Structures are given as structure tokens and as C-alpha cells.
PDB file of all heavy atoms in Angstrom:
ATOM      1  N   VAL A   1      10.474  -8.663   7.403  1.00  0.00           N
ATOM      2  CA  VAL A   1      11.327  -7.776   6.545  1.00  0.00           C
ATOM      3  C   VAL A   1      10.588  -7.206   5.410  1.00  0.00           C
ATOM      4  O   VAL A   1      10.790  -6.064   5.012  1.00  0.00           O
ATOM      5  CB  VAL A   1      12.546  -8.596   6.124  1.00  0.00           C
ATOM      6  CG1 VAL A   1      13.315  -7.834   5.022  1.00  0.00           C
ATOM      7  CG2 VAL A   1      13.479  -8.945   7.253  1.00  0.00           C
ATOM      8  N   ARG A   2       9.604  -7.989   4.826  1.00  0.00           N
ATOM      9  CA  ARG A   2       8.867  -7.469   3.697  1.00  0.00           C
ATOM     10  C   ARG A   2       7.982  -6.270   4.128  1.00  0.00           C
ATOM     11  O   ARG A   2       7.736  -5.313   3.354  1.00  0.00           O
ATOM     12  CB  ARG A   2       8.013  -8.546   3.051  1.00  0.00           C
ATOM     13  CG  ARG A   2       8.777  -9.722   2.494  1.00  0.00           C
ATOM     14  CD  ARG A   2       7.942 -10.646   1.693  1.00  0.00           C
ATOM     15  NE  ARG A   2       8.691 -11.807   1.280  1.00  0.00           N
ATOM     16  CZ  ARG A   2       9.503 -11.865   0.241  1.00  0.00           C
ATOM     17  NH1 ARG A   2       9.648 -10.779  -0.485  1.00  0.00           N
ATOM     18  NH2 ARG A   2      10.181 -12.973  -0.061  1.00  0.00           N
ATOM     19  N   LEU A   3       7.486  -6.292   5.367  1.00  0.00           N
ATOM     20  CA  LEU A   3       6.717  -5.182   5.858  1.00  0.00           C
ATOM     21  C   LEU A   3       7.612  -3.922   5.938  1.00  0.00           C
ATOM     22  O   LEU A   3       7.148  -2.795   5.646  1.00  0.00           O
ATOM     23  CB  LEU A   3       6.139  -5.512   7.247  1.00  0.00           C
ATOM     24  CG  LEU A   3       5.141  -6.641   7.272  1.00  0.00           C
ATOM     25  CD1 LEU A   3       4.696  -6.886   8.698  1.00  0.00           C
ATOM     26  CD2 LEU A   3       3.940  -6.299   6.368  1.00  0.00           C
ATOM     27  N   ILE A   4       8.864  -4.080   6.381  1.00  0.00           N
ATOM     28  CA  ILE A   4       9.748  -2.968   6.439  1.00  0.00           C
ATOM     29  C   ILE A   4      10.044  -2.386   5.044  1.00  0.00           C
ATOM     30  O   ILE A   4      10.075  -1.158   4.853  1.00  0.00           O
ATOM     31  CB  ILE A   4      11.080  -3.343   7.117  1.00  0.00           C
ATOM     32  CG1 ILE A   4      10.795  -3.703   8.599  1.00  0.00           C
ATOM     33  CG2 ILE A   4      12.152  -2.250   6.980  1.00  0.00           C
ATOM     34  CD1 ILE A   4      12.061  -4.135   9.350  1.00  0.00           C
ATOM     35  N   VAL A   5      10.211  -3.273   4.042  1.00  0.00           N
ATOM     36  CA  VAL A   5      10.414  -2.757   2.675  1.00  0.00           C
ATOM     37  C   VAL A   5       9.245  -1.954   2.218  1.00  0.00           C
ATOM     38  O   VAL A   5       9.401  -0.909   1.606  1.00  0.00           O
ATOM     39  CB  VAL A   5      10.680  -3.992   1.757  1.00  0.00           C
ATOM     40  CG1 VAL A   5      10.790  -3.524   0.311  1.00  0.00           C
ATOM     41  CG2 VAL A   5      11.952  -4.704   2.138  1.00  0.00           C
ATOM     42  N   VAL A   6       8.032  -2.434   2.413  1.00  0.00           N
ATOM     43  CA  VAL A   6       6.807  -1.696   2.010  1.00  0.00           C
ATOM     44  C   VAL A   6       6.764  -0.356   2.760  1.00  0.00           C
ATOM     45  O   VAL A   6       6.453   0.683   2.183  1.00  0.00           O
ATOM     46  CB  VAL A   6       5.543  -2.538   2.284  1.00  0.00           C
ATOM     47  CG1 VAL A   6       4.301  -1.721   2.038  1.00  0.00           C
ATOM     48  CG2 VAL A   6       5.549  -3.791   1.455  1.00  0.00           C
ATOM     49  N   ALA A   7       7.086  -0.365   4.053  1.00  0.00           N
ATOM     50  CA  ALA A   7       7.108   0.892   4.844  1.00  0.00           C
ATOM     51  C   ALA A   7       8.096   1.879   4.240  1.00  0.00           C
ATOM     52  O   ALA A   7       7.832   3.080   4.171  1.00  0.00           O
ATOM     53  CB  ALA A   7       7.408   0.598   6.273  1.00  0.00           C
ATOM     54  N   VAL A   8       9.266   1.390   3.874  1.00  0.00           N
ATOM     55  CA  VAL A   8      10.283   2.247   3.247  1.00  0.00           C
ATOM     56  C   VAL A   8       9.787   2.842   1.968  1.00  0.00           C
ATOM     57  O   VAL A   8      10.010   4.036   1.656  1.00  0.00           O
ATOM     58  CB  VAL A   8      11.614   1.474   2.990  1.00  0.00           C
ATOM     59  CG1 VAL A   8      12.573   2.279   2.170  1.00  0.00           C
ATOM     60  CG2 VAL A   8      12.253   1.148   4.342  1.00  0.00           C
ATOM     61  N   ILE A   9       9.050   2.049   1.123  1.00  0.00           N
ATOM     62  CA  ILE A   9       8.546   2.552  -0.121  1.00  0.00           C
ATOM     63  C   ILE A   9       7.549   3.724   0.147  1.00  0.00           C
ATOM     64  O   ILE A   9       7.603   4.754  -0.498  1.00  0.00           O
ATOM     65  CB  ILE A   9       7.830   1.419  -0.858  1.00  0.00           C
ATOM     66  CG1 ILE A   9       8.836   0.397  -1.354  1.00  0.00           C
ATOM     67  CG2 ILE A   9       7.040   1.997  -2.072  1.00  0.00           C
ATOM     68  CD1 ILE A   9       8.227  -0.840  -1.958  1.00  0.00           C
ATOM     69  N   VAL A  10       6.712   3.553   1.137  1.00  0.00           N
ATOM     70  CA  VAL A  10       5.710   4.588   1.488  1.00  0.00           C
ATOM     71  C   VAL A  10       6.444   5.852   1.946  1.00  0.00           C
ATOM     72  O   VAL A  10       6.125   6.936   1.538  1.00  0.00           O
ATOM     73  CB  VAL A  10       4.731   4.076   2.554  1.00  0.00           C
ATOM     74  CG1 VAL A  10       3.830   5.251   3.024  1.00  0.00           C
ATOM     75  CG2 VAL A  10       3.891   2.951   2.018  1.00  0.00           C
ATOM     76  N   LEU A  11       7.443   5.673   2.875  1.00  0.00           N
ATOM     77  CA  LEU A  11       8.173   6.843   3.326  1.00  0.00           C
ATOM     78  C   LEU A  11       8.959   7.595   2.217  1.00  0.00           C
ATOM     79  O   LEU A  11       8.972   8.815   2.156  1.00  0.00           O
ATOM     80  CB  LEU A  11       9.138   6.443   4.416  1.00  0.00           C
ATOM     81  CG  LEU A  11       8.463   6.000   5.771  1.00  0.00           C
ATOM     82  CD1 LEU A  11       9.547   5.426   6.732  1.00  0.00           C
ATOM     83  CD2 LEU A  11       7.768   7.214   6.403  1.00  0.00           C
ATOM     84  N   LEU A  12       9.512   6.778   1.291  1.00  0.00           N
ATOM     85  CA  LEU A  12      10.212   7.417   0.174  1.00  0.00           C
ATOM     86  C   LEU A  12       9.262   8.260  -0.659  1.00  0.00           C
ATOM     87  O   LEU A  12       9.620   9.329  -1.058  1.00  0.00           O
ATOM     88  CB  LEU A  12      10.871   6.321  -0.680  1.00  0.00           C
ATOM     89  CG  LEU A  12      12.136   5.648  -0.099  1.00  0.00           C
ATOM     90  CD1 LEU A  12      12.598   4.532  -1.024  1.00  0.00           C
ATOM     91  CD2 LEU A  12      13.256   6.699   0.056  1.00  0.00           C
ATOM     92  N   GLY A  13       8.081   7.669  -0.912  1.00  0.00           N
ATOM     93  CA  GLY A  13       7.091   8.435  -1.693  1.00  0.00           C
ATOM     94  C   GLY A  13       6.691   9.711  -1.002  1.00  0.00           C
ATOM     95  O   GLY A  13       6.514  10.793  -1.593  1.00  0.00           O
ATOM     96  N   TYR A  14       6.478   9.669   0.346  1.00  0.00           N
ATOM     97  CA  TYR A  14       6.050  10.803   1.127  1.00  0.00           C
ATOM     98  C   TYR A  14       7.076  11.903   1.062  1.00  0.00           C
ATOM     99  O   TYR A  14       6.742  13.089   0.889  1.00  0.00           O
ATOM    100  CB  TYR A  14       5.821  10.347   2.556  1.00  0.00           C
ATOM    101  CG  TYR A  14       5.432  11.527   3.505  1.00  0.00           C
ATOM    102  CD1 TYR A  14       4.179  12.017   3.482  1.00  0.00           C
ATOM    103  CD2 TYR A  14       6.411  12.021   4.362  1.00  0.00           C
ATOM    104  CE1 TYR A  14       3.866  13.064   4.352  1.00  0.00           C
ATOM    105  CE2 TYR A  14       6.142  13.068   5.203  1.00  0.00           C
ATOM    106  CZ  TYR A  14       4.835  13.596   5.208  1.00  0.00           C
ATOM    107  OH  TYR A  14       4.559  14.629   6.040  1.00  0.00           O
ATOM    108  N   TYR A  15       8.372  11.569   1.221  1.00  0.00           N
ATOM    109  CA  TYR A  15       9.408  12.580   1.208  1.00  0.00           C
ATOM    110  C   TYR A  15       9.868  12.971  -0.243  1.00  0.00           C
ATOM    111  O   TYR A  15      10.423  14.036  -0.389  1.00  0.00           O
ATOM    112  CB  TYR A  15      10.574  12.096   2.008  1.00  0.00           C
ATOM    113  CG  TYR A  15      10.394  12.166   3.519  1.00  0.00           C
ATOM    114  CD1 TYR A  15      10.129  11.019   4.229  1.00  0.00           C
ATOM    115  CD2 TYR A  15      10.345  13.373   4.201  1.00  0.00           C
ATOM    116  CE1 TYR A  15       9.908  11.035   5.573  1.00  0.00           C
ATOM    117  CE2 TYR A  15      10.116  13.418   5.542  1.00  0.00           C
ATOM    118  CZ  TYR A  15       9.894  12.203   6.254  1.00  0.00           C
ATOM    119  OH  TYR A  15       9.632  12.277   7.584  1.00  0.00           O
ATOM    120  N   ALA A  16       9.606  12.071  -1.193  1.00  0.00           N
ATOM    121  CA  ALA A  16      10.044  12.374  -2.545  1.00  0.00           C
ATOM    122  C   ALA A  16       9.194  13.374  -3.197  1.00  0.00           C
ATOM    123  O   ALA A  16       9.708  14.254  -3.910  1.00  0.00           O
ATOM    124  CB  ALA A  16      10.075  11.050  -3.385  1.00  0.00           C
ATOM    125  N   ILE A  17       7.907  13.336  -3.080  1.00  0.00           N
ATOM    126  CA  ILE A  17       6.935  14.175  -3.812  1.00  0.00           C
ATOM    127  C   ILE A  17       7.267  15.677  -3.636  1.00  0.00           C
ATOM    128  O   ILE A  17       7.441  16.338  -4.663  1.00  0.00           O
ATOM    129  CB  ILE A  17       5.482  13.874  -3.467  1.00  0.00           C
ATOM    130  CG1 ILE A  17       5.146  12.449  -3.995  1.00  0.00           C
ATOM    131  CG2 ILE A  17       4.575  14.940  -4.072  1.00  0.00           C
ATOM    132  CD1 ILE A  17       3.800  12.002  -3.553  1.00  0.00           C
ATOM    133  N   PRO A  18       7.418  16.180  -2.407  1.00  0.00           N
ATOM    134  CA  PRO A  18       7.699  17.627  -2.306  1.00  0.00           C
ATOM    135  C   PRO A  18       9.114  18.004  -2.850  1.00  0.00           C
ATOM    136  O   PRO A  18       9.255  19.065  -3.367  1.00  0.00           O
ATOM    137  CB  PRO A  18       7.643  17.880  -0.804  1.00  0.00           C
ATOM    138  CG  PRO A  18       7.831  16.578  -0.124  1.00  0.00           C
ATOM    139  CD  PRO A  18       7.215  15.561  -1.090  1.00  0.00           C
ATOM    140  N   GLN A  19      10.075  17.146  -2.742  1.00  0.00           N
ATOM    141  CA  GLN A  19      11.413  17.438  -3.242  1.00  0.00           C
ATOM    142  C   GLN A  19      11.453  17.454  -4.791  1.00  0.00           C
ATOM    143  O   GLN A  19      12.176  18.200  -5.384  1.00  0.00           O
ATOM    144  CB  GLN A  19      12.434  16.445  -2.718  1.00  0.00           C
ATOM    145  CG  GLN A  19      12.656  16.535  -1.231  1.00  0.00           C
ATOM    146  CD  GLN A  19      13.956  15.911  -0.803  1.00  0.00           C
ATOM    147  OE1 GLN A  19      15.002  16.171  -1.362  1.00  0.00           O
ATOM    148  NE2 GLN A  19      13.904  15.122   0.297  1.00  0.00           N
ATOM    149  N   LEU A  20      10.550  16.671  -5.413  1.00  0.00           N
ATOM    150  CA  LEU A  20      10.523  16.672  -6.843  1.00  0.00           C
ATOM    151  C   LEU A  20       9.736  17.818  -7.418  1.00  0.00           C
ATOM    152  O   LEU A  20       9.859  18.171  -8.576  1.00  0.00           O
ATOM    153  CB  LEU A  20       9.950  15.345  -7.349  1.00  0.00           C
ATOM    154  CG  LEU A  20      10.797  14.054  -7.092  1.00  0.00           C
ATOM    155  CD1 LEU A  20      10.028  12.861  -7.465  1.00  0.00           C
ATOM    156  CD2 LEU A  20      12.077  14.160  -7.856  1.00  0.00           C
ATOM    157  N   ASN A  21       8.881  18.412  -6.603  1.00  0.00           N
ATOM    158  CA  ASN A  21       7.992  19.497  -7.085  1.00  0.00           C
ATOM    159  C   ASN A  21       8.705  20.798  -7.116  1.00  0.00           C
ATOM    160  O   ASN A  21       8.331  21.693  -7.860  1.00  0.00           O
ATOM    161  CB  ASN A  21       6.759  19.592  -6.213  1.00  0.00           C
ATOM    162  CG  ASN A  21       5.753  18.492  -6.545  1.00  0.00           C
ATOM    163  OD1 ASN A  21       5.798  17.916  -7.577  1.00  0.00           O
ATOM    164  ND2 ASN A  21       4.854  18.194  -5.621  1.00  0.00           N
ATOM    165  N   ALA A  22       9.649  21.025  -6.236  1.00  0.00           N
ATOM    166  CA  ALA A  22      10.248  22.373  -6.112  1.00  0.00           C
ATOM    167  C   ALA A  22      11.640  22.273  -5.553  1.00  0.00           C
ATOM    168  O   ALA A  22      11.982  21.351  -4.824  1.00  0.00           O
ATOM    169  CB  ALA A  22       9.401  23.270  -5.237  1.00  0.00           C
ATOM    170  N   LEU A  23      12.483  23.312  -5.885  1.00  0.00           N
ATOM    171  CA  LEU A  23      13.797  23.391  -5.358  1.00  0.00           C
ATOM    172  C   LEU A  23      14.086  24.816  -4.856  1.00  0.00           C
ATOM    173  O   LEU A  23      13.894  25.728  -5.618  1.00  0.00           O
ATOM    174  CB  LEU A  23      14.884  23.114  -6.455  1.00  0.00           C
ATOM    175  CG  LEU A  23      15.040  21.664  -6.856  1.00  0.00           C
ATOM    176  CD1 LEU A  23      15.985  21.608  -8.023  1.00  0.00           C
ATOM    177  CD2 LEU A  23      15.585  20.835  -5.687  1.00  0.00           C
ATOM    178  N   PRO A  24      14.661  24.960  -3.674  1.00  0.00           N
ATOM    179  CA  PRO A  24      13.947  24.787  -2.433  1.00  0.00           C
ATOM    180  C   PRO A  24      13.099  26.044  -2.251  1.00  0.00           C
ATOM    181  O   PRO A  24      13.215  26.956  -3.056  1.00  0.00           O
ATOM    182  CB  PRO A  24      15.079  24.678  -1.420  1.00  0.00           C
ATOM    183  CG  PRO A  24      16.161  25.552  -1.993  1.00  0.00           C
ATOM    184  CD  PRO A  24      15.982  25.479  -3.484  1.00  0.00           C
ATOM    185  N   PRO A  25      12.275  26.228  -1.234  1.00  0.00           N
ATOM    186  CA  PRO A  25      11.987  25.252  -0.211  1.00  0.00           C
ATOM    187  C   PRO A  25      11.066  24.191  -0.696  1.00  0.00           C
ATOM    188  O   PRO A  25      10.267  24.418  -1.591  1.00  0.00           O
ATOM    189  CB  PRO A  25      11.337  26.099   0.884  1.00  0.00           C
ATOM    190  CG  PRO A  25      10.613  27.167   0.168  1.00  0.00           C
ATOM    191  CD  PRO A  25      11.471  27.492  -1.031  1.00  0.00           C
ATOM    192  N   VAL A  26      11.156  22.998  -0.144  1.00  0.00           N
ATOM    193  CA  VAL A  26      10.381  21.915  -0.616  1.00  0.00           C
ATOM    194  C   VAL A  26       9.092  21.704   0.230  1.00  0.00           C
ATOM    195  O   VAL A  26       8.090  21.253  -0.265  1.00  0.00           O
ATOM    196  CB  VAL A  26      11.212  20.592  -0.650  1.00  0.00           C
ATOM    197  CG1 VAL A  26      12.286  20.666  -1.613  1.00  0.00           C
ATOM    198  CG2 VAL A  26      11.749  20.297   0.741  1.00  0.00           C
ATOM    199  N   THR A  27       9.182  22.028   1.471  1.00  0.00           N
ATOM    200  CA  THR A  27       8.023  21.943   2.410  1.00  0.00           C
ATOM    201  C   THR A  27       8.138  23.080   3.398  1.00  0.00           C
ATOM    202  O   THR A  27       9.058  23.879   3.387  1.00  0.00           O
ATOM    203  CB  THR A  27       7.960  20.597   3.096  1.00  0.00           C
ATOM    204  OG1 THR A  27       9.077  20.552   4.019  1.00  0.00           O
ATOM    205  CG2 THR A  27       8.072  19.446   2.143  1.00  0.00           C
ATOM    206  N   ASP A  28       7.194  23.074   4.311  1.00  0.00           N
ATOM    207  CA  ASP A  28       7.275  24.088   5.437  1.00  0.00           C
ATOM    208  C   ASP A  28       8.245  23.650   6.485  1.00  0.00           C
ATOM    209  O   ASP A  28       8.574  24.468   7.366  1.00  0.00           O
ATOM    210  CB  ASP A  28       5.872  24.272   6.039  1.00  0.00           C
ATOM    211  CG  ASP A  28       4.927  24.945   5.117  1.00  0.00           C
ATOM    212  OD1 ASP A  28       5.399  25.654   4.204  1.00  0.00           O
ATOM    213  OD2 ASP A  28       3.696  24.698   5.238  1.00  0.00           O
ATOM    214  N   ARG A  29       8.757  22.406   6.443  1.00  0.00           N
ATOM    215  CA  ARG A  29       9.716  21.943   7.396  1.00  0.00           C
ATOM    216  C   ARG A  29      11.030  22.594   7.121  1.00  0.00           C
ATOM    217  O   ARG A  29      11.382  22.949   5.994  1.00  0.00           O
ATOM    218  CB  ARG A  29       9.871  20.428   7.357  1.00  0.00           C
ATOM    219  CG  ARG A  29       8.649  19.680   7.714  1.00  0.00           C
ATOM    220  CD  ARG A  29       8.967  18.172   7.818  1.00  0.00           C
ATOM    221  NE  ARG A  29       9.527  17.648   6.585  1.00  0.00           N
ATOM    222  CZ  ARG A  29       8.816  17.138   5.626  1.00  0.00           C
ATOM    223  NH1 ARG A  29       7.507  17.053   5.694  1.00  0.00           N
ATOM    224  NH2 ARG A  29       9.423  16.646   4.532  1.00  0.00           N
ATOM    225  N   ALA A  30      11.837  22.796   8.194  1.00  0.00           N
ATOM    226  CA  ALA A  30      13.196  23.288   8.057  1.00  0.00           C
ATOM    227  C   ALA A  30      14.013  22.220   7.402  1.00  0.00           C
ATOM    228  O   ALA A  30      13.996  21.030   7.837  1.00  0.00           O
ATOM    229  CB  ALA A  30      13.751  23.692   9.380  1.00  0.00           C
ATOM    230  N   VAL A  31      14.724  22.549   6.362  1.00  0.00           N
ATOM    231  CA  VAL A  31      15.526  21.547   5.634  1.00  0.00           C
ATOM    232  C   VAL A  31      16.907  22.120   5.364  1.00  0.00           C
ATOM    233  O   VAL A  31      17.102  23.342   5.332  1.00  0.00           O
ATOM    234  CB  VAL A  31      14.928  21.139   4.249  1.00  0.00           C
ATOM    235  CG1 VAL A  31      13.604  20.395   4.486  1.00  0.00           C
ATOM    236  CG2 VAL A  31      14.725  22.349   3.352  1.00  0.00           C
ATOM    237  N   THR A  32      17.906  21.257   5.250  1.00  0.00           N
ATOM    238  CA  THR A  32      19.245  21.636   4.931  1.00  0.00           C
ATOM    239  C   THR A  32      19.301  21.910   3.435  1.00  0.00           C
ATOM    240  O   THR A  32      18.397  21.559   2.683  1.00  0.00           O
ATOM    241  CB  THR A  32      20.240  20.560   5.254  1.00  0.00           C
ATOM    242  OG1 THR A  32      20.008  19.422   4.401  1.00  0.00           O
ATOM    243  CG2 THR A  32      20.112  20.125   6.729  1.00  0.00           C
ATOM    244  N   PRO A  33      20.334  22.550   2.909  1.00  0.00           N
ATOM    245  CA  PRO A  33      20.463  22.800   1.449  1.00  0.00           C
ATOM    246  C   PRO A  33      20.375  21.485   0.632  1.00  0.00           C
ATOM    247  O   PRO A  33      20.019  21.527  -0.517  1.00  0.00           O
ATOM    248  CB  PRO A  33      21.806  23.445   1.358  1.00  0.00           C
ATOM    249  CG  PRO A  33      22.025  24.164   2.629  1.00  0.00           C
ATOM    250  CD  PRO A  33      21.418  23.236   3.653  1.00  0.00           C
ATOM    251  N   GLY A  34      20.796  20.368   1.230  1.00  0.00           N
ATOM    252  CA  GLY A  34      20.734  19.108   0.542  1.00  0.00           C
ATOM    253  C   GLY A  34      19.364  18.430   0.538  1.00  0.00           C
ATOM    254  O   GLY A  34      19.209  17.385  -0.066  1.00  0.00           O
ATOM    255  N   GLY A  35      18.383  19.066   1.193  1.00  0.00           N
ATOM    256  CA  GLY A  35      17.014  18.521   1.149  1.00  0.00           C
ATOM    257  C   GLY A  35      16.662  17.634   2.377  1.00  0.00           C
ATOM    258  O   GLY A  35      15.659  16.976   2.340  1.00  0.00           O
ATOM    259  N   ARG A  36      17.495  17.606   3.403  1.00  0.00           N
ATOM    260  CA  ARG A  36      17.225  16.762   4.566  1.00  0.00           C
ATOM    261  C   ARG A  36      16.572  17.544   5.694  1.00  0.00           C
ATOM    262  O   ARG A  36      16.951  18.648   5.946  1.00  0.00           O
ATOM    263  CB  ARG A  36      18.582  16.111   5.038  1.00  0.00           C
ATOM    264  CG  ARG A  36      19.219  15.250   4.009  1.00  0.00           C
ATOM    265  CD  ARG A  36      20.589  14.729   4.457  1.00  0.00           C
ATOM    266  NE  ARG A  36      21.171  13.884   3.436  1.00  0.00           N
ATOM    267  CZ  ARG A  36      21.983  14.363   2.436  1.00  0.00           C
ATOM    268  NH1 ARG A  36      22.282  15.669   2.386  1.00  0.00           N
ATOM    269  NH2 ARG A  36      22.435  13.564   1.493  1.00  0.00           N
ATOM    270  N   THR A  37      15.632  16.887   6.339  1.00  0.00           N
ATOM    271  CA  THR A  37      14.894  17.525   7.423  1.00  0.00           C
ATOM    272  C   THR A  37      15.824  17.784   8.600  1.00  0.00           C
ATOM    273  O   THR A  37      16.634  16.912   8.978  1.00  0.00           O
ATOM    274  CB  THR A  37      13.738  16.652   7.870  1.00  0.00           C
ATOM    275  OG1 THR A  37      12.848  16.447   6.752  1.00  0.00           O
ATOM    276  CG2 THR A  37      12.935  17.305   8.977  1.00  0.00           C
ATOM    277  N   THR A  38      15.671  18.960   9.207  1.00  0.00           N
ATOM    278  CA  THR A  38      16.446  19.319  10.431  1.00  0.00           C
ATOM    279  C   THR A  38      15.492  19.839  11.456  1.00  0.00           C
ATOM    280  O   THR A  38      14.437  20.379  11.169  1.00  0.00           O
ATOM    281  CB  THR A  38      17.493  20.362  10.059  1.00  0.00           C
ATOM    282  OG1 THR A  38      18.228  20.691  11.243  1.00  0.00           O
ATOM    283  CG2 THR A  38      16.896  21.588   9.455  1.00  0.00           C
ATOM    284  N   ARG A  39      15.932  19.731  12.721  1.00  0.00           N
ATOM    285  CA  ARG A  39      15.120  20.221  13.847  1.00  0.00           C
ATOM    286  C   ARG A  39      15.210  21.712  13.964  1.00  0.00           C
ATOM    287  O   ARG A  39      14.415  22.305  14.664  1.00  0.00           O
ATOM    288  CB  ARG A  39      15.575  19.537  15.111  1.00  0.00           C
ATOM    289  CG  ARG A  39      15.362  18.088  15.179  1.00  0.00           C
ATOM    290  CD  ARG A  39      16.097  17.434  16.394  1.00  0.00           C
ATOM    291  NE  ARG A  39      15.551  17.964  17.646  1.00  0.00           N
ATOM    292  CZ  ARG A  39      16.063  17.677  18.828  1.00  0.00           C
ATOM    293  NH1 ARG A  39      17.180  16.928  18.902  1.00  0.00           N
ATOM    294  NH2 ARG A  39      15.527  18.181  19.925  1.00  0.00           N
TER     295      ARG A  39
END
């Protein structure tokens, strides 16, 4: 379980940095207005 917690921390950091830098677009990925990745 501790490994999962560490993995979640890394993923949060990965997705948090672009969202904190700009509003929107946050990355080249397609995102919803709420900032969630979409296909």
C-alpha cells in the first residue's frame, strides 16, 4: 500500500505542474474545462 501512496504522489505532481502553470490550455492533451484529460 505504501508503494501505491508514493505512486499517487508522483502522479499528482506530474498532473499538477501544468495545471498550476496556466489556465487553460494546460498541456497539449485534450482536456475538459475542469482540467481533466479526455480522449
